[in-house]
Amino acid sequence: DEKGNRAGYILHGPLKYGQKCHISQACIQYEKRLRGYGERAVIGLIEHAQLMGVSSIQLRCAIDLPAIQFWQSLGFLIQKIEPGGITRGRMIVTFLYQLVLPMDALGIEHKY
């Protein structure tokens, strides 16, 4: 934040070349929301993942959460919607953000 304190975090899997990265949790402190911290954190992850050659970023989010609009505003696309667990009985949205890969990650031979 403006004082240098952490406003939240993104918990994600490994950033492996040519593979998908999974976000398992993204959290911004309630009183820090709507100030751009979440957007900056996600954009930072996207940029770092691209540098590492990650193919895409995937996450799951309950359909009844305001975070649905947040992820869509950052360019994450809905891949599927499916039933969640029995306990809460709500639908779960799977999002995917496709990254631009270097040519060699696509298995294309370079001919210069």
PDB file of N, CA and C in Angstrom:
ATOM      1  N   ASP A   1       0.841  -1.190   0.000  1.00  0.00           N
ATOM      2  CA  ASP A   1       0.000   0.000   0.000  1.00  0.00           C
ATOM      3  C   ASP A   1       0.881   1.246   0.000  1.00  0.00           C
ATOM      4  N   GLU A   2       0.278   2.365   0.204  1.00  0.00           N
ATOM      5  CA  GLU A   2       1.012   3.637   0.180  1.00  0.00           C
ATOM      6  C   GLU A   2       2.059   3.758   1.280  1.00  0.00           C
ATOM      7  N   LYS A   3       1.934   2.948   2.324  1.00  0.00           N
ATOM      8  CA  LYS A   3       2.909   2.955   3.425  1.00  0.00           C
ATOM      9  C   LYS A   3       3.926   1.833   3.316  1.00  0.00           C
ATOM     10  N   GLY A   4       3.833   1.027   2.258  1.00  0.00           N
ATOM     11  CA  GLY A   4       4.770  -0.076   2.080  1.00  0.00           C
ATOM     12  C   GLY A   4       4.344  -1.361   2.767  1.00  0.00           C
ATOM     13  N   ASN A   5       3.147  -1.386   3.330  1.00  0.00           N
ATOM     14  CA  ASN A   5       2.627  -2.590   3.976  1.00  0.00           C
ATOM     15  C   ASN A   5       1.933  -3.478   2.950  1.00  0.00           C
ATOM     16  N   ARG A   6       1.947  -4.776   3.197  1.00  0.00           N
ATOM     17  CA  ARG A   6       1.253  -5.698   2.302  1.00  0.00           C
ATOM     18  C   ARG A   6      -0.247  -5.479   2.407  1.00  0.00           C
ATOM     19  N   ALA A   7      -0.890  -5.465   1.234  1.00  0.00           N
ATOM     20  CA  ALA A   7      -2.335  -5.290   1.179  1.00  0.00           C
ATOM     21  C   ALA A   7      -3.040  -6.610   0.897  1.00  0.00           C
ATOM     22  N   GLY A   8      -2.281  -7.632   0.531  1.00  0.00           N
ATOM     23  CA  GLY A   8      -2.868  -8.924   0.219  1.00  0.00           C
ATOM     24  C   GLY A   8      -1.844  -9.844  -0.404  1.00  0.00           C
ATOM     25  N   TYR A   9      -2.342 -10.889  -1.075  1.00  0.00           N
ATOM     26  CA  TYR A   9      -1.432 -11.867  -1.674  1.00  0.00           C
ATOM     27  C   TYR A   9      -2.140 -12.658  -2.768  1.00  0.00           C
ATOM     28  N   ILE A  10      -1.335 -13.318  -3.598  1.00  0.00           N
ATOM     29  CA  ILE A  10      -1.836 -14.295  -4.567  1.00  0.00           C
ATOM     30  C   ILE A  10      -1.059 -15.575  -4.315  1.00  0.00           C
ATOM     31  N   LEU A  11      -1.780 -16.639  -4.031  1.00  0.00           N
ATOM     32  CA  LEU A  11      -1.172 -17.944  -3.818  1.00  0.00           C
ATOM     33  C   LEU A  11      -1.359 -18.742  -5.101  1.00  0.00           C
ATOM     34  N   HIS A  12      -0.233 -19.160  -5.700  1.00  0.00           N
ATOM     35  CA  HIS A  12      -0.318 -19.857  -6.981  1.00  0.00           C
ATOM     36  C   HIS A  12       0.708 -20.972  -7.042  1.00  0.00           C
ATOM     37  N   GLY A  13       0.515 -21.836  -8.016  1.00  0.00           N
ATOM     38  CA  GLY A  13       1.430 -22.943  -8.232  1.00  0.00           C
ATOM     39  C   GLY A  13       2.705 -22.479  -8.918  1.00  0.00           C
ATOM     40  N   PRO A  14       3.563 -23.447  -9.250  1.00  0.00           N
ATOM     41  CA  PRO A  14       4.851 -23.110  -9.862  1.00  0.00           C
ATOM     42  C   PRO A  14       4.696 -22.488 -11.248  1.00  0.00           C
ATOM     43  N   LEU A  15       5.652 -21.638 -11.593  1.00  0.00           N
ATOM     44  CA  LEU A  15       5.692 -21.012 -12.910  1.00  0.00           C
ATOM     45  C   LEU A  15       6.676 -21.815 -13.749  1.00  0.00           C
ATOM     46  N   LYS A  16       6.160 -22.829 -14.447  1.00  0.00           N
ATOM     47  CA  LYS A  16       7.006 -23.728 -15.234  1.00  0.00           C
ATOM     48  C   LYS A  16       6.858 -23.431 -16.715  1.00  0.00           C
ATOM     49  N   TYR A  17       7.980 -23.417 -17.379  1.00  0.00           N
ATOM     50  CA  TYR A  17       8.053 -23.120 -18.798  1.00  0.00           C
ATOM     51  C   TYR A  17       7.117 -24.026 -19.606  1.00  0.00           C
ATOM     52  N   GLY A  18       6.251 -23.395 -20.407  1.00  0.00           N
ATOM     53  CA  GLY A  18       5.349 -24.137 -21.284  1.00  0.00           C
ATOM     54  C   GLY A  18       4.164 -24.781 -20.592  1.00  0.00           C
ATOM     55  N   GLN A  19       3.988 -24.546 -19.287  1.00  0.00           N
ATOM     56  CA  GLN A  19       2.889 -25.182 -18.553  1.00  0.00           C
ATOM     57  C   GLN A  19       1.927 -24.143 -17.988  1.00  0.00           C
ATOM     58  N   LYS A  20       0.790 -24.627 -17.534  1.00  0.00           N
ATOM     59  CA  LYS A  20      -0.249 -23.793 -16.949  1.00  0.00           C
ATOM     60  C   LYS A  20       0.063 -23.545 -15.472  1.00  0.00           C
ATOM     61  N   CYS A  21      -0.195 -22.328 -15.015  1.00  0.00           N
ATOM     62  CA  CYS A  21      -0.059 -21.979 -13.599  1.00  0.00           C
ATOM     63  C   CYS A  21      -1.470 -21.859 -13.014  1.00  0.00           C
ATOM     64  N   HIS A  22      -1.674 -22.378 -11.823  1.00  0.00           N
ATOM     65  CA  HIS A  22      -2.978 -22.326 -11.175  1.00  0.00           C
ATOM     66  C   HIS A  22      -2.942 -21.356  -9.996  1.00  0.00           C
ATOM     67  N   ILE A  23      -3.878 -20.426  -9.979  1.00  0.00           N
ATOM     68  CA  ILE A  23      -4.057 -19.551  -8.818  1.00  0.00           C
ATOM     69  C   ILE A  23      -5.009 -20.284  -7.885  1.00  0.00           C
ATOM     70  N   SER A  24      -4.569 -20.531  -6.663  1.00  0.00           N
ATOM     71  CA  SER A  24      -5.446 -21.215  -5.719  1.00  0.00           C
ATOM     72  C   SER A  24      -6.141 -20.239  -4.770  1.00  0.00           C
ATOM     73  N   GLN A  25      -5.544 -19.048  -4.587  1.00  0.00           N
ATOM     74  CA  GLN A  25      -6.189 -18.068  -3.726  1.00  0.00           C
ATOM     75  C   GLN A  25      -5.627 -16.683  -4.019  1.00  0.00           C
ATOM     76  N   ALA A  26      -6.518 -15.710  -4.071  1.00  0.00           N
ATOM     77  CA  ALA A  26      -6.122 -14.305  -4.214  1.00  0.00           C
ATOM     78  C   ALA A  26      -6.899 -13.531  -3.168  1.00  0.00           C
ATOM     79  N   CYS A  27      -6.198 -12.748  -2.394  1.00  0.00           N
ATOM     80  CA  CYS A  27      -6.854 -12.064  -1.285  1.00  0.00           C
ATOM     81  C   CYS A  27      -6.275 -10.658  -1.107  1.00  0.00           C
ATOM     82  N   ILE A  28      -7.148  -9.675  -1.036  1.00  0.00           N
ATOM     83  CA  ILE A  28      -6.779  -8.302  -0.702  1.00  0.00           C
ATOM     84  C   ILE A  28      -7.557  -7.957   0.567  1.00  0.00           C
ATOM     85  N   GLN A  29      -6.886  -7.343   1.523  1.00  0.00           N
ATOM     86  CA  GLN A  29      -7.557  -6.967   2.764  1.00  0.00           C
ATOM     87  C   GLN A  29      -8.821  -6.169   2.445  1.00  0.00           C
ATOM     88  N   TYR A  30      -9.871  -6.442   3.170  1.00  0.00           N
ATOM     89  CA  TYR A  30     -11.171  -5.848   2.871  1.00  0.00           C
ATOM     90  C   TYR A  30     -11.102  -4.318   2.776  1.00  0.00           C
ATOM     91  N   GLU A  31     -10.436  -3.696   3.718  1.00  0.00           N
ATOM     92  CA  GLU A  31     -10.379  -2.225   3.734  1.00  0.00           C
ATOM     93  C   GLU A  31      -9.464  -1.646   2.654  1.00  0.00           C
ATOM     94  N   LYS A  32      -8.710  -2.507   1.967  1.00  0.00           N
ATOM     95  CA  LYS A  32      -7.800  -2.071   0.897  1.00  0.00           C
ATOM     96  C   LYS A  32      -8.375  -2.328  -0.496  1.00  0.00           C
ATOM     97  N   ARG A  33      -9.545  -2.932  -0.567  1.00  0.00           N
ATOM     98  CA  ARG A  33     -10.136  -3.271  -1.864  1.00  0.00           C
ATOM     99  C   ARG A  33     -10.575  -2.016  -2.613  1.00  0.00           C
ATOM    100  N   LEU A  34     -10.695  -2.170  -3.928  1.00  0.00           N
ATOM    101  CA  LEU A  34     -11.113  -1.100  -4.843  1.00  0.00           C
ATOM    102  C   LEU A  34     -10.118   0.052  -4.898  1.00  0.00           C
ATOM    103  N   ARG A  35      -8.854  -0.240  -4.649  1.00  0.00           N
ATOM    104  CA  ARG A  35      -7.789   0.768  -4.736  1.00  0.00           C
ATOM    105  C   ARG A  35      -6.712   0.375  -5.752  1.00  0.00           C
ATOM    106  N   GLY A  36      -6.949  -0.707  -6.488  1.00  0.00           N
ATOM    107  CA  GLY A  36      -6.010  -1.119  -7.526  1.00  0.00           C
ATOM    108  C   GLY A  36      -4.956  -2.118  -7.083  1.00  0.00           C
ATOM    109  N   TYR A  37      -4.933  -2.490  -5.819  1.00  0.00           N
ATOM    110  CA  TYR A  37      -3.914  -3.433  -5.331  1.00  0.00           C
ATOM    111  C   TYR A  37      -4.069  -4.813  -5.956  1.00  0.00           C
ATOM    112  N   GLY A  38      -5.297  -5.291  -6.046  1.00  0.00           N
ATOM    113  CA  GLY A  38      -5.534  -6.601  -6.642  1.00  0.00           C
ATOM    114  C   GLY A  38      -5.144  -6.623  -8.110  1.00  0.00           C
ATOM    115  N   GLU A  39      -5.530  -5.581  -8.818  1.00  0.00           N
ATOM    116  CA  GLU A  39      -5.187  -5.489 -10.242  1.00  0.00           C
ATOM    117  C   GLU A  39      -3.673  -5.480 -10.434  1.00  0.00           C
ATOM    118  N   ARG A  40      -2.975  -4.689  -9.643  1.00  0.00           N
ATOM    119  CA  ARG A  40      -1.508  -4.636  -9.754  1.00  0.00           C
ATOM    120  C   ARG A  40      -0.863  -5.974  -9.419  1.00  0.00           C
ATOM    121  N   ALA A  41      -1.411  -6.664  -8.432  1.00  0.00           N
ATOM    122  CA  ALA A  41      -0.853  -7.971  -8.054  1.00  0.00           C
ATOM    123  C   ALA A  41      -1.037  -8.979  -9.192  1.00  0.00           C
ATOM    124  N   VAL A  42      -2.220  -9.007  -9.788  1.00  0.00           N
ATOM    125  CA  VAL A  42      -2.489  -9.960 -10.871  1.00  0.00           C
ATOM    126  C   VAL A  42      -1.654  -9.613 -12.101  1.00  0.00           C
ATOM    127  N   ILE A  43      -1.571  -8.348 -12.445  1.00  0.00           N
ATOM    128  CA  ILE A  43      -0.755  -7.934 -13.590  1.00  0.00           C
ATOM    129  C   ILE A  43       0.709  -8.293 -13.354  1.00  0.00           C
ATOM    130  N   GLY A  44       1.180  -8.127 -12.128  1.00  0.00           N
ATOM    131  CA  GLY A  44       2.553  -8.525 -11.791  1.00  0.00           C
ATOM    132  C   GLY A  44       2.764 -10.019 -11.994  1.00  0.00           C
ATOM    133  N   LEU A  45       1.795 -10.826 -11.584  1.00  0.00           N
ATOM    134  CA  LEU A  45       1.886 -12.273 -11.787  1.00  0.00           C
ATOM    135  C   LEU A  45       1.871 -12.613 -13.276  1.00  0.00           C
ATOM    136  N   ILE A  46       0.995 -11.975 -14.030  1.00  0.00           N
ATOM    137  CA  ILE A  46       0.925 -12.218 -15.478  1.00  0.00           C
ATOM    138  C   ILE A  46       2.256 -11.890 -16.134  1.00  0.00           C
ATOM    139  N   GLU A  47       2.827 -10.750 -15.811  1.00  0.00           N
ATOM    140  CA  GLU A  47       4.107 -10.350 -16.408  1.00  0.00           C
ATOM    141  C   GLU A  47       5.220 -11.331 -16.043  1.00  0.00           C
ATOM    142  N   HIS A  48       5.263 -11.735 -14.793  1.00  0.00           N
ATOM    143  CA  HIS A  48       6.301 -12.680 -14.348  1.00  0.00           C
ATOM    144  C   HIS A  48       6.114 -14.041 -15.028  1.00  0.00           C
ATOM    145  N   ALA A  49       4.866 -14.477 -15.123  1.00  0.00           N
ATOM    146  CA  ALA A  49       4.572 -15.765 -15.771  1.00  0.00           C
ATOM    147  C   ALA A  49       4.988 -15.735 -17.246  1.00  0.00           C
ATOM    148  N   GLN A  50       4.752 -14.619 -17.923  1.00  0.00           N
ATOM    149  CA  GLN A  50       5.162 -14.503 -19.328  1.00  0.00           C
ATOM    150  C   GLN A  50       6.674 -14.596 -19.458  1.00  0.00           C
ATOM    151  N   LEU A  51       7.391 -13.937 -18.575  1.00  0.00           N
ATOM    152  CA  LEU A  51       8.854 -14.001 -18.607  1.00  0.00           C
ATOM    153  C   LEU A  51       9.358 -15.418 -18.386  1.00  0.00           C
ATOM    154  N   MET A  52       8.622 -16.199 -17.601  1.00  0.00           N
ATOM    155  CA  MET A  52       9.005 -17.577 -17.300  1.00  0.00           C
ATOM    156  C   MET A  52       8.540 -18.554 -18.383  1.00  0.00           C
ATOM    157  N   GLY A  53       7.786 -18.065 -19.368  1.00  0.00           N
ATOM    158  CA  GLY A  53       7.325 -18.925 -20.450  1.00  0.00           C
ATOM    159  C   GLY A  53       6.113 -19.777 -20.107  1.00  0.00           C
ATOM    160  N   VAL A  54       5.352 -19.369 -19.099  1.00  0.00           N
ATOM    161  CA  VAL A  54       4.143 -20.091 -18.701  1.00  0.00           C
ATOM    162  C   VAL A  54       3.102 -19.973 -19.814  1.00  0.00           C
ATOM    163  N   SER A  55       2.372 -21.040 -20.095  1.00  0.00           N
ATOM    164  CA  SER A  55       1.412 -21.039 -21.203  1.00  0.00           C
ATOM    165  C   SER A  55       0.110 -20.312 -20.875  1.00  0.00           C
ATOM    166  N   SER A  56      -0.359 -20.436 -19.626  1.00  0.00           N
ATOM    167  CA  SER A  56      -1.624 -19.815 -19.242  1.00  0.00           C
ATOM    168  C   SER A  56      -1.746 -19.798 -17.716  1.00  0.00           C
ATOM    169  N   ILE A  57      -2.708 -19.024 -17.254  1.00  0.00           N
ATOM    170  CA  ILE A  57      -3.006 -18.960 -15.823  1.00  0.00           C
ATOM    171  C   ILE A  57      -4.470 -19.341 -15.660  1.00  0.00           C
ATOM    172  N   GLN A  58      -4.737 -20.256 -14.733  1.00  0.00           N
ATOM    173  CA  GLN A  58      -6.091 -20.747 -14.521  1.00  0.00           C
ATOM    174  C   GLN A  58      -6.485 -20.542 -13.059  1.00  0.00           C
ATOM    175  N   LEU A  59      -7.770 -20.318 -12.831  1.00  0.00           N
ATOM    176  CA  LEU A  59      -8.288 -20.220 -11.464  1.00  0.00           C
ATOM    177  C   LEU A  59      -9.748 -20.593 -11.459  1.00  0.00           C
ATOM    178  N   ARG A  60     -10.239 -20.870 -10.269  1.00  0.00           N
ATOM    179  CA  ARG A  60     -11.654 -21.193 -10.065  1.00  0.00           C
ATOM    180  C   ARG A  60     -12.229 -20.185  -9.081  1.00  0.00           C
ATOM    181  N   CYS A  61     -13.494 -19.794  -9.329  1.00  0.00           N
ATOM    182  CA  CYS A  61     -14.141 -18.795  -8.474  1.00  0.00           C
ATOM    183  C   CYS A  61     -15.633 -19.115  -8.387  1.00  0.00           C
ATOM    184  N   ALA A  62     -16.189 -19.007  -7.207  1.00  0.00           N
ATOM    185  CA  ALA A  62     -17.628 -19.236  -7.042  1.00  0.00           C
ATOM    186  C   ALA A  62     -18.395 -18.170  -7.823  1.00  0.00           C
ATOM    187  N   ILE A  63     -19.443 -18.603  -8.500  1.00  0.00           N
ATOM    188  CA  ILE A  63     -20.180 -17.724  -9.409  1.00  0.00           C
ATOM    189  C   ILE A  63     -20.896 -16.580  -8.695  1.00  0.00           C
ATOM    190  N   ASP A  64     -21.166 -16.729  -7.407  1.00  0.00           N
ATOM    191  CA  ASP A  64     -21.908 -15.701  -6.681  1.00  0.00           C
ATOM    192  C   ASP A  64     -21.012 -14.649  -6.023  1.00  0.00           C
ATOM    193  N   LEU A  65     -19.713 -14.641  -6.342  1.00  0.00           N
ATOM    194  CA  LEU A  65     -18.794 -13.671  -5.750  1.00  0.00           C
ATOM    195  C   LEU A  65     -18.563 -12.479  -6.682  1.00  0.00           C
ATOM    196  N   PRO A  66     -18.378 -11.274  -6.113  1.00  0.00           N
ATOM    197  CA  PRO A  66     -18.085 -10.102  -6.944  1.00  0.00           C
ATOM    198  C   PRO A  66     -16.764 -10.239  -7.695  1.00  0.00           C
ATOM    199  N   ALA A  67     -15.920 -11.172  -7.291  1.00  0.00           N
ATOM    200  CA  ALA A  67     -14.630 -11.383  -7.952  1.00  0.00           C
ATOM    201  C   ALA A  67     -14.791 -11.821  -9.401  1.00  0.00           C
ATOM    202  N   ILE A  68     -15.946 -12.347  -9.768  1.00  0.00           N
ATOM    203  CA  ILE A  68     -16.191 -12.760 -11.150  1.00  0.00           C
ATOM    204  C   ILE A  68     -15.926 -11.581 -12.089  1.00  0.00           C
ATOM    205  N   GLN A  69     -16.482 -10.418 -11.782  1.00  0.00           N
ATOM    206  CA  GLN A  69     -16.289  -9.232 -12.616  1.00  0.00           C
ATOM    207  C   GLN A  69     -14.832  -8.771 -12.596  1.00  0.00           C
ATOM    208  N   PHE A  70     -14.174  -8.913 -11.456  1.00  0.00           N
ATOM    209  CA  PHE A  70     -12.763  -8.536 -11.340  1.00  0.00           C
ATOM    210  C   PHE A  70     -11.909  -9.332 -12.322  1.00  0.00           C
ATOM    211  N   TRP A  71     -12.059 -10.663 -12.315  1.00  0.00           N
ATOM    212  CA  TRP A  71     -11.258 -11.514 -13.191  1.00  0.00           C
ATOM    213  C   TRP A  71     -11.559 -11.234 -14.659  1.00  0.00           C
ATOM    214  N   GLN A  72     -12.831 -11.040 -14.987  1.00  0.00           N
ATOM    215  CA  GLN A  72     -13.184 -10.736 -16.370  1.00  0.00           C
ATOM    216  C   GLN A  72     -12.601  -9.395 -16.809  1.00  0.00           C
ATOM    217  N   SER A  73     -12.572  -8.423 -15.923  1.00  0.00           N
ATOM    218  CA  SER A  73     -12.034  -7.096 -16.268  1.00  0.00           C
ATOM    219  C   SER A  73     -10.541  -7.160 -16.579  1.00  0.00           C
ATOM    220  N   LEU A  74      -9.853  -8.173 -16.072  1.00  0.00           N
ATOM    221  CA  LEU A  74      -8.419  -8.325 -16.321  1.00  0.00           C
ATOM    222  C   LEU A  74      -8.126  -9.211 -17.539  1.00  0.00           C
ATOM    223  N   GLY A  75      -9.170  -9.667 -18.215  1.00  0.00           N
ATOM    224  CA  GLY A  75      -8.970 -10.449 -19.433  1.00  0.00           C
ATOM    225  C   GLY A  75      -9.041 -11.951 -19.246  1.00  0.00           C
ATOM    226  N   PHE A  76      -9.389 -12.420 -18.065  1.00  0.00           N
ATOM    227  CA  PHE A  76      -9.568 -13.850 -17.844  1.00  0.00           C
ATOM    228  C   PHE A  76     -10.885 -14.261 -18.503  1.00  0.00           C
ATOM    229  N   LEU A  77     -10.856 -15.366 -19.235  1.00  0.00           N
ATOM    230  CA  LEU A  77     -12.034 -15.834 -19.958  1.00  0.00           C
ATOM    231  C   LEU A  77     -12.626 -17.062 -19.271  1.00  0.00           C
ATOM    232  N   ILE A  78     -13.940 -17.147 -19.291  1.00  0.00           N
ATOM    233  CA  ILE A  78     -14.632 -18.292 -18.702  1.00  0.00           C
ATOM    234  C   ILE A  78     -14.418 -19.516 -19.583  1.00  0.00           C
ATOM    235  N   GLN A  79     -13.921 -20.575 -18.983  1.00  0.00           N
ATOM    236  CA  GLN A  79     -13.713 -21.842 -19.691  1.00  0.00           C
ATOM    237  C   GLN A  79     -14.876 -22.801 -19.466  1.00  0.00           C
ATOM    238  N   LYS A  80     -15.366 -22.816 -18.232  1.00  0.00           N
ATOM    239  CA  LYS A  80     -16.512 -23.685 -17.922  1.00  0.00           C
ATOM    240  C   LYS A  80     -17.142 -23.247 -16.610  1.00  0.00           C
ATOM    241  N   ILE A  81     -18.379 -23.666 -16.428  1.00  0.00           N
ATOM    242  CA  ILE A  81     -19.123 -23.445 -15.183  1.00  0.00           C
ATOM    243  C   ILE A  81     -19.670 -24.799 -14.786  1.00  0.00           C
ATOM    244  N   GLU A  82     -19.388 -25.190 -13.541  1.00  0.00           N
ATOM    245  CA  GLU A  82     -19.802 -26.519 -13.096  1.00  0.00           C
ATOM    246  C   GLU A  82     -20.224 -26.476 -11.631  1.00  0.00           C
ATOM    247  N   PRO A  83     -20.979 -27.473 -11.194  1.00  0.00           N
ATOM    248  CA  PRO A  83     -21.401 -27.514  -9.789  1.00  0.00           C
ATOM    249  C   PRO A  83     -20.196 -27.631  -8.861  1.00  0.00           C
ATOM    250  N   GLY A  84     -20.277 -26.932  -7.745  1.00  0.00           N
ATOM    251  CA  GLY A  84     -19.226 -27.018  -6.732  1.00  0.00           C
ATOM    252  C   GLY A  84     -19.524 -28.140  -5.763  1.00  0.00           C
ATOM    253  N   GLY A  85     -19.066 -27.976  -4.544  1.00  0.00           N
ATOM    254  CA  GLY A  85     -19.273 -29.004  -3.532  1.00  0.00           C
ATOM    255  C   GLY A  85     -20.697 -29.047  -3.014  1.00  0.00           C
ATOM    256  N   ILE A  86     -21.002 -30.089  -2.300  1.00  0.00           N
ATOM    257  CA  ILE A  86     -22.339 -30.294  -1.738  1.00  0.00           C
ATOM    258  C   ILE A  86     -22.636 -29.291  -0.625  1.00  0.00           C
ATOM    259  N   THR A  87     -21.618 -28.922   0.155  1.00  0.00           N
ATOM    260  CA  THR A  87     -21.815 -28.077   1.326  1.00  0.00           C
ATOM    261  C   THR A  87     -22.458 -26.741   0.992  1.00  0.00           C
ATOM    262  N   ARG A  88     -21.901 -26.014   0.030  1.00  0.00           N
ATOM    263  CA  ARG A  88     -22.434 -24.685  -0.298  1.00  0.00           C
ATOM    264  C   ARG A  88     -23.401 -24.712  -1.468  1.00  0.00           C
ATOM    265  N   GLY A  89     -23.326 -25.735  -2.277  1.00  0.00           N
ATOM    266  CA  GLY A  89     -24.265 -25.894  -3.378  1.00  0.00           C
ATOM    267  C   GLY A  89     -24.251 -24.771  -4.396  1.00  0.00           C
ATOM    268  N   ARG A  90     -23.095 -24.228  -4.695  1.00  0.00           N
ATOM    269  CA  ARG A  90     -23.036 -23.148  -5.680  1.00  0.00           C
ATOM    270  C   ARG A  90     -22.200 -23.555  -6.886  1.00  0.00           C
ATOM    271  N   MET A  91     -22.393 -22.830  -7.955  1.00  0.00           N
ATOM    272  CA  MET A  91     -21.679 -23.099  -9.188  1.00  0.00           C
ATOM    273  C   MET A  91     -20.279 -22.483  -9.123  1.00  0.00           C
ATOM    274  N   ILE A  92     -19.328 -23.140  -9.789  1.00  0.00           N
ATOM    275  CA  ILE A  92     -17.935 -22.696  -9.810  1.00  0.00           C
ATOM    276  C   ILE A  92     -17.540 -22.370 -11.248  1.00  0.00           C
ATOM    277  N   VAL A  93     -16.926 -21.215 -11.430  1.00  0.00           N
ATOM    278  CA  VAL A  93     -16.456 -20.770 -12.734  1.00  0.00           C
ATOM    279  C   VAL A  93     -14.960 -21.046 -12.833  1.00  0.00           C
ATOM    280  N   THR A  94     -14.533 -21.651 -13.923  1.00  0.00           N
ATOM    281  CA  THR A  94     -13.110 -21.831 -14.197  1.00  0.00           C
ATOM    282  C   THR A  94     -12.710 -20.783 -15.224  1.00  0.00           C
ATOM    283  N   PHE A  95     -11.724 -19.967 -14.866  1.00  0.00           N
ATOM    284  CA  PHE A  95     -11.209 -18.912 -15.733  1.00  0.00           C
ATOM    285  C   PHE A  95      -9.850 -19.315 -16.293  1.00  0.00           C
ATOM    286  N   LEU A  96      -9.532 -18.798 -17.474  1.00  0.00           N
ATOM    287  CA  LEU A  96      -8.223 -19.019 -18.078  1.00  0.00           C
ATOM    288  C   LEU A  96      -7.727 -17.717 -18.694  1.00  0.00           C
ATOM    289  N   TYR A  97      -6.457 -17.431 -18.464  1.00  0.00           N
ATOM    290  CA  TYR A  97      -5.784 -16.297 -19.095  1.00  0.00           C
ATOM    291  C   TYR A  97      -4.661 -16.882 -19.941  1.00  0.00           C
ATOM    292  N   GLN A  98      -4.816 -16.798 -21.258  1.00  0.00           N
ATOM    293  CA  GLN A  98      -3.828 -17.364 -22.182  1.00  0.00           C
ATOM    294  C   GLN A  98      -2.671 -16.387 -22.336  1.00  0.00           C
ATOM    295  N   LEU A  99      -1.451 -16.876 -22.185  1.00  0.00           N
ATOM    296  CA  LEU A  99      -0.269 -16.029 -22.319  1.00  0.00           C
ATOM    297  C   LEU A  99       0.371 -16.221 -23.683  1.00  0.00           C
ATOM    298  N   VAL A 100       1.073 -15.212 -24.124  1.00  0.00           N
ATOM    299  CA  VAL A 100       1.812 -15.281 -25.379  1.00  0.00           C
ATOM    300  C   VAL A 100       3.144 -15.946 -25.077  1.00  0.00           C
ATOM    301  N   LEU A 101       3.392 -17.078 -25.751  1.00  0.00           N
ATOM    302  CA  LEU A 101       4.607 -17.850 -25.496  1.00  0.00           C
ATOM    303  C   LEU A 101       5.699 -17.522 -26.500  1.00  0.00           C
ATOM    304  N   PRO A 102       6.941 -17.698 -26.085  1.00  0.00           N
ATOM    305  CA  PRO A 102       8.034 -17.599 -27.049  1.00  0.00           C
ATOM    306  C   PRO A 102       7.873 -18.707 -28.093  1.00  0.00           C
ATOM    307  N   MET A 103       8.397 -18.500 -29.280  1.00  0.00           N
ATOM    308  CA  MET A 103       8.250 -19.463 -30.381  1.00  0.00           C
ATOM    309  C   MET A 103       8.723 -20.867 -30.017  1.00  0.00           C
ATOM    310  N   ASP A 104       9.824 -20.992 -29.286  1.00  0.00           N
ATOM    311  CA  ASP A 104      10.348 -22.327 -28.990  1.00  0.00           C
ATOM    312  C   ASP A 104       9.443 -23.114 -28.040  1.00  0.00           C
ATOM    313  N   ALA A 105       8.624 -22.441 -27.262  1.00  0.00           N
ATOM    314  CA  ALA A 105       7.697 -23.144 -26.372  1.00  0.00           C
ATOM    315  C   ALA A 105       6.549 -23.768 -27.155  1.00  0.00           C
ATOM    316  N   LEU A 106       6.332 -23.304 -28.370  1.00  0.00           N
ATOM    317  CA  LEU A 106       5.256 -23.832 -29.194  1.00  0.00           C
ATOM    318  C   LEU A 106       5.700 -25.009 -30.045  1.00  0.00           C
ATOM    319  N   GLY A 107       6.971 -25.356 -29.967  1.00  0.00           N
ATOM    320  CA  GLY A 107       7.495 -26.471 -30.740  1.00  0.00           C
ATOM    321  C   GLY A 107       7.714 -26.143 -32.212  1.00  0.00           C
ATOM    322  N   ILE A 108       7.821 -24.855 -32.502  1.00  0.00           N
ATOM    323  CA  ILE A 108       8.040 -24.425 -33.888  1.00  0.00           C
ATOM    324  C   ILE A 108       9.536 -24.230 -34.107  1.00  0.00           C
ATOM    325  N   GLU A 109      10.047 -24.850 -35.137  1.00  0.00           N
ATOM    326  CA  GLU A 109      11.478 -24.757 -35.436  1.00  0.00           C
ATOM    327  C   GLU A 109      11.790 -23.393 -36.044  1.00  0.00           C
ATOM    328  N   HIS A 110      12.859 -22.788 -35.562  1.00  0.00           N
ATOM    329  CA  HIS A 110      13.304 -21.495 -36.100  1.00  0.00           C
ATOM    330  C   HIS A 110      14.114 -21.697 -37.363  1.00  0.00           C
ATOM    331  N   LYS A 111      13.787 -20.960 -38.403  1.00  0.00           N
ATOM    332  CA  LYS A 111      14.567 -21.007 -39.653  1.00  0.00           C
ATOM    333  C   LYS A 111      14.905 -19.569 -40.034  1.00  0.00           C
ATOM    334  N   TYR A 112      16.119 -19.204 -39.740  1.00  0.00           N
ATOM    335  CA  TYR A 112      16.553 -17.830 -40.051  1.00  0.00           C
ATOM    336  C   TYR A 112      17.578 -17.855 -41.156  1.00  0.00           C
TER     337      TYR A 112
END
